[in-house]
Amino acid sequence: MPISCSLEVRCLTEEEFEEVDYRVMGHAFASQNELGRLCEEGIYQRDLQARLLADGFRNVQIEVPVTVSHGDFSKTYLIDLVADDAVYELKATEALTSEHQAQLLHYLFLLGVRRGKLINFRPPKVAGRICATSLSPDARRQVKADTARWQDAAPTCATLRQTMLALLADWGAFLEVPLYQEALTHFLGGEQQLVQRLPLHRGGVLLGTQRFHVHGPAVAFRLTAVSEQPEATEAHLRRLLAHSQLRALQWINLDHATAQFVTLTR
């Protein structure tokens, strides 16, 4: 299986999730009231688990492993808390961010469930944010490939494109970009072979070196997930390319259910 979890997590309805969440949040507030707001995340995690089990929850698991695999590549993520099929990501930070929300959505997609919640114990009052999606695993695999602006600038470029499409067919879209990036790097030869620091110049002045994933002679690739104003990202990629010694940059952009394959040349 391309995505596997040691725990079978049922997809709760909105009403079922709200019923569980009401009890969970009550214990989250109680935990902060007793422990204060300066503990590390793991302390709240274990305290919340103990409180929920004492309150009669059937199954409360922490650090639930979810493994994503393709061929001989695999990566395991750990879900902070699953309480009677309700999924939680716990934080002890100044404020919840869009990156935290993206992380939880990534976990929801992997588990194939529709909603989960972020809980932050650091603010003066425990903060919570529900994340929800209507995308099913099957819907995430309906990916359109746009290759109209792609050229094989090196023999390995075809392998890059085909591998990306195979990952999307296996895992679906909408997952975190670093996962696809790590898998592409693995299949194209590994980080030691691909990742290089190349010099950047401006007007003959050496500015330093920049990290690139170089998969062919003077050809690198860049993976993004830009849905708003992709033309602005393209403009900045072209500037980066112009100041490097690369002759081409293969840009793969995951725009919702469309995978855009674009070859940028000097």
Protein backbone atom coordinates (compact mmCIF):
# COMPACT_ATOMS: atom_id res chain seq x y z
CA MET A 1 0.00 0.00 0.00
CA PRO A 2 1.40 3.44 -0.89
CA ILE A 3 0.03 4.95 2.36
CA SER A 4 -0.35 2.82 5.47
CA CYS A 5 -1.18 3.50 9.11
CA SER A 6 -0.85 1.21 12.12
CA LEU A 7 -4.20 2.51 13.36
CA GLU A 8 -7.43 2.29 11.37
CA VAL A 9 -8.93 5.78 11.58
CA ARG A 10 -12.61 6.11 10.70
CA CYS A 11 -13.79 9.19 8.82
CA LEU A 12 -16.05 10.99 11.31
CA THR A 13 -19.04 13.06 10.27
CA GLU A 14 -19.04 16.72 11.28
CA GLU A 15 -21.48 15.96 14.10
CA GLU A 16 -19.42 13.01 15.36
CA PHE A 17 -16.25 15.08 15.33
CA GLU A 18 -17.91 17.95 17.23
CA GLU A 19 -19.14 15.54 19.91
CA VAL A 20 -15.65 14.13 20.45
CA ASP A 21 -13.98 17.52 20.18
CA TYR A 22 -16.18 19.08 22.87
CA ARG A 23 -14.82 16.57 25.38
CA VAL A 24 -11.23 16.80 24.12
CA MET A 25 -11.16 20.60 24.38
CA GLY A 26 -12.54 20.46 27.91
CA HIS A 27 -9.57 18.33 28.92
CA ALA A 28 -7.15 20.54 26.96
CA PHE A 29 -8.29 23.55 29.00
CA ALA A 30 -8.01 21.52 32.20
CA SER A 31 -4.50 20.45 31.27
CA GLN A 32 -3.33 24.02 30.75
CA ASN A 33 -5.09 25.19 33.92
CA GLU A 34 -3.18 22.64 35.98
CA LEU A 35 0.19 22.57 34.19
CA GLY A 36 0.38 26.18 33.07
CA ARG A 37 1.22 27.28 29.53
CA LEU A 38 5.01 26.88 29.51
CA CYS A 39 5.39 23.10 29.22
CA GLU A 40 6.80 21.43 26.15
CA GLU A 41 4.42 19.92 23.61
CA GLY A 42 5.10 16.32 24.65
CA ILE A 43 4.03 17.05 28.24
CA TYR A 44 0.62 18.26 27.13
CA GLN A 45 0.37 15.36 24.69
CA ARG A 46 0.82 12.69 27.36
CA ASP A 47 -1.29 14.55 29.91
CA LEU A 48 -4.15 14.91 27.44
CA GLN A 49 -3.94 11.21 26.56
CA ALA A 50 -4.13 10.24 30.24
CA ARG A 51 -7.09 12.55 30.87
CA LEU A 52 -9.05 11.24 27.89
CA LEU A 53 -8.48 7.61 28.84
CA ALA A 54 -9.57 8.35 32.41
CA ASP A 55 -12.72 9.97 30.98
CA GLY A 56 -13.72 6.75 29.20
CA PHE A 57 -12.44 7.28 25.66
CA ARG A 58 -12.17 3.91 23.91
CA ASN A 59 -8.88 4.45 22.09
CA VAL A 60 -6.42 7.31 22.53
CA GLN A 61 -3.12 6.94 20.67
CA ILE A 62 -0.17 9.35 20.49
CA GLU A 63 2.66 9.41 17.94
CA VAL A 64 0.61 7.39 15.47
CA PRO A 65 2.87 6.39 12.52
CA VAL A 66 1.71 6.89 8.93
CA THR A 67 4.08 5.59 6.24
CA VAL A 68 4.15 6.83 2.65
CA SER A 69 5.97 4.56 0.20
CA HIS A 70 6.69 4.21 -3.51
CA GLY A 71 9.08 1.59 -4.82
CA ASP A 72 12.01 1.46 -2.41
CA PHE A 73 11.28 4.94 -1.00
CA SER A 74 9.40 5.38 2.26
CA LYS A 75 8.82 8.15 4.78
CA THR A 76 7.01 7.92 8.11
CA TYR A 77 5.09 10.72 9.79
CA LEU A 78 3.89 10.71 13.40
CA ILE A 79 0.37 12.00 14.18
CA ASP A 80 0.33 13.71 17.59
CA LEU A 81 -3.00 12.40 18.87
CA VAL A 82 -5.91 10.30 17.63
CA ALA A 83 -8.79 10.10 20.11
CA ASP A 84 -11.69 7.85 19.12
CA ASP A 85 -10.97 8.59 15.42
CA ALA A 86 -10.61 12.37 15.92
CA VAL A 87 -7.22 13.60 14.67
CA TYR A 88 -5.27 16.30 16.53
CA GLU A 89 -2.00 18.11 15.98
CA LEU A 90 -0.73 19.66 19.21
CA LYS A 91 1.43 22.78 19.45
CA ALA A 92 3.14 24.81 22.16
CA THR A 93 3.94 27.94 20.22
CA GLU A 94 3.11 31.65 20.34
CA ALA A 95 0.47 31.41 17.62
CA LEU A 96 -0.93 28.98 15.08
CA THR A 97 0.18 29.65 11.51
CA SER A 98 -0.82 28.66 7.99
CA GLU A 99 2.15 26.25 8.02
CA HIS A 100 0.63 24.43 11.00
CA GLN A 101 -2.68 24.19 9.14
CA ALA A 102 -0.94 22.84 6.03
CA GLN A 103 0.80 20.21 8.16
CA LEU A 104 -2.49 19.00 9.62
CA LEU A 105 -4.17 18.95 6.20
CA HIS A 106 -1.26 16.84 4.96
CA TYR A 107 -1.97 14.33 7.74
CA LEU A 108 -5.70 14.33 6.99
CA PHE A 109 -4.99 13.57 3.33
CA LEU A 110 -2.66 10.72 4.30
CA LEU A 111 -5.28 9.23 6.63
CA GLY A 112 -8.15 9.78 4.18
CA VAL A 113 -10.28 11.64 6.74
CA ARG A 114 -12.12 14.92 6.33
CA ARG A 115 -11.39 16.97 9.47
CA GLY A 116 -8.99 17.42 12.33
CA LYS A 117 -7.96 20.09 14.78
CA LEU A 118 -4.92 22.09 15.84
CA ILE A 119 -4.60 22.73 19.58
CA ASN A 120 -2.11 25.27 20.89
CA PHE A 121 -1.31 25.27 24.62
CA ARG A 122 1.05 28.29 24.69
CA PRO A 123 -1.38 31.27 24.51
CA PRO A 124 -3.00 32.56 27.74
CA LYS A 125 -6.09 30.58 26.70
CA VAL A 126 -5.84 27.30 24.78
CA ALA A 127 -6.39 27.99 21.08
CA GLY A 128 -7.99 25.58 18.63
CA ARG A 129 -8.45 25.62 14.87
CA ILE A 130 -10.45 23.05 12.93
CA CYS A 131 -9.11 22.04 9.51
CA ALA A 132 -11.48 20.39 7.06
CA THR A 133 -11.38 19.17 3.47
CA SER A 134 -13.90 17.77 1.02
CA LEU A 135 -11.24 15.99 -1.04
CA SER A 136 -11.37 12.21 -1.06
CA PRO A 137 -8.29 10.05 -1.81
CA ASP A 138 -9.75 9.24 -5.23
CA ALA A 139 -10.33 12.92 -6.01
CA ARG A 140 -6.74 13.77 -5.09
CA ARG A 141 -5.52 11.26 -7.68
CA GLN A 142 -7.39 12.96 -10.52
CA VAL A 143 -4.38 15.05 -11.52
CA LYS A 144 -4.02 16.81 -14.87
CA ALA A 145 -0.51 17.07 -16.30
CA ASP A 146 0.25 20.25 -18.26
CA THR A 147 3.43 19.61 -20.28
CA ALA A 148 2.91 22.16 -23.06
CA ARG A 149 5.99 24.16 -21.99
CA TRP A 150 8.26 21.22 -21.15
CA GLN A 151 11.37 20.10 -23.01
CA ASP A 152 13.76 17.31 -22.12
CA ALA A 153 16.86 19.47 -21.59
CA ALA A 154 18.85 16.41 -20.50
CA PRO A 155 18.32 12.63 -20.74
CA THR A 156 17.27 12.52 -17.06
CA CYS A 157 14.49 15.06 -17.59
CA ALA A 158 12.13 12.39 -18.92
CA THR A 159 12.81 10.34 -15.78
CA LEU A 160 12.08 13.39 -13.62
CA ARG A 161 8.73 14.01 -15.32
CA GLN A 162 7.68 10.36 -15.34
CA THR A 163 8.64 9.87 -11.69
CA MET A 164 6.64 12.92 -10.62
CA LEU A 165 3.58 11.66 -12.49
CA ALA A 166 3.99 8.20 -10.94
CA LEU A 167 4.12 9.72 -7.43
CA LEU A 168 0.97 11.73 -8.10
CA ALA A 169 -0.81 8.65 -9.42
CA ASP A 170 0.22 6.67 -6.34
CA TRP A 171 -0.19 9.26 -3.58
CA GLY A 172 -2.42 11.90 -5.14
CA ALA A 173 -1.89 15.66 -5.13
CA PHE A 174 -2.17 18.22 -2.31
CA LEU A 175 0.45 16.63 -0.03
CA GLU A 176 3.39 18.63 1.32
CA VAL A 177 5.95 19.62 -1.31
CA PRO A 178 8.95 18.32 0.73
CA LEU A 179 7.56 14.77 0.49
CA TYR A 180 7.52 14.82 -3.33
CA GLN A 181 10.89 16.60 -3.34
CA GLU A 182 12.46 13.96 -1.11
CA ALA A 183 11.09 11.14 -3.24
CA LEU A 184 12.25 12.73 -6.51
CA THR A 185 15.71 13.23 -5.04
CA HIS A 186 15.81 9.59 -3.95
CA PHE A 187 14.84 8.19 -7.34
CA LEU A 188 17.14 10.49 -9.30
CA GLY A 189 20.26 9.41 -7.45
CA GLY A 190 20.07 10.68 -3.90
CA GLU A 191 20.94 13.91 -2.15
CA GLN A 192 24.71 13.38 -2.27
CA GLN A 193 24.60 13.13 -6.04
CA LEU A 194 21.94 15.74 -6.81
CA VAL A 195 22.29 18.55 -4.29
CA GLN A 196 25.01 21.01 -5.28
CA ARG A 197 25.94 24.51 -4.24
CA LEU A 198 26.54 26.53 -7.40
CA PRO A 199 28.04 30.02 -7.65
CA LEU A 200 25.82 33.02 -8.35
CA HIS A 201 27.25 36.09 -10.06
CA ARG A 202 26.01 39.62 -10.70
CA GLY A 203 27.97 41.69 -13.15
CA GLY A 204 31.07 39.56 -12.72
CA VAL A 205 30.91 39.75 -8.92
CA LEU A 206 30.72 36.41 -7.10
CA LEU A 207 27.84 36.66 -4.62
CA GLY A 208 28.23 33.22 -3.06
CA THR A 209 26.74 29.81 -3.71
CA GLN A 210 23.13 28.67 -3.99
CA ARG A 211 21.69 25.21 -3.33
CA PHE A 212 20.25 23.45 -6.42
CA HIS A 213 19.01 19.95 -7.24
CA VAL A 214 21.11 19.22 -10.34
CA HIS A 215 19.87 16.15 -12.20
CA GLY A 216 21.62 16.63 -15.55
CA PRO A 217 24.55 18.52 -17.08
CA ALA A 218 23.90 22.15 -16.01
CA VAL A 219 20.20 21.32 -15.53
CA ALA A 220 18.41 21.54 -12.17
CA PHE A 221 14.82 21.14 -11.04
CA ARG A 222 12.63 23.14 -8.68
CA LEU A 223 9.33 21.93 -7.19
CA THR A 224 6.68 24.36 -5.90
CA ALA A 225 2.99 24.48 -5.01
CA VAL A 226 1.92 27.92 -6.16
CA SER A 227 -1.73 28.55 -6.97
CA GLU A 228 -1.80 32.38 -6.92
CA GLN A 229 0.18 34.39 -9.46
CA PRO A 230 2.47 31.60 -10.70
CA GLU A 231 3.84 34.06 -13.24
CA ALA A 232 5.49 35.98 -10.38
CA THR A 233 7.22 32.81 -9.19
CA GLU A 234 8.33 32.10 -12.74
CA ALA A 235 9.84 35.58 -13.02
CA HIS A 236 11.89 35.04 -9.87
CA LEU A 237 13.02 31.60 -11.03
CA ARG A 238 14.20 33.15 -14.28
CA ARG A 239 16.24 35.73 -12.35
CA LEU A 240 17.81 32.97 -10.27
CA LEU A 241 18.64 31.00 -13.41
CA ALA A 242 20.12 34.07 -15.13
CA HIS A 243 22.67 34.57 -12.34
CA SER A 244 23.69 30.91 -12.19
CA GLN A 245 25.81 28.72 -14.43
CA LEU A 246 22.83 26.50 -15.24
CA ARG A 247 21.55 26.33 -18.78
CA ALA A 248 18.05 25.16 -17.80
CA LEU A 249 15.78 24.90 -14.79
CA GLN A 250 12.96 22.38 -14.86
CA TRP A 251 10.07 23.81 -12.85
CA ILE A 252 7.28 21.55 -11.60
CA ASN A 253 4.40 23.47 -10.02
CA LEU A 254 1.56 21.70 -8.22
CA ASP A 255 -1.44 23.98 -8.67
CA HIS A 256 -4.25 22.13 -6.90
CA ALA A 257 -5.17 19.24 -9.25
CA THR A 258 -2.89 20.40 -12.09
CA ALA A 259 0.79 19.54 -12.32
CA GLN A 260 2.50 22.13 -14.49
CA PHE A 261 5.81 21.09 -16.10
CA VAL A 262 7.78 24.09 -17.39
CA THR A 263 11.30 24.28 -18.85
CA LEU A 264 13.06 27.58 -18.16
CA THR A 265 16.19 28.32 -20.19
CA ARG A 266 18.75 31.11 -20.19
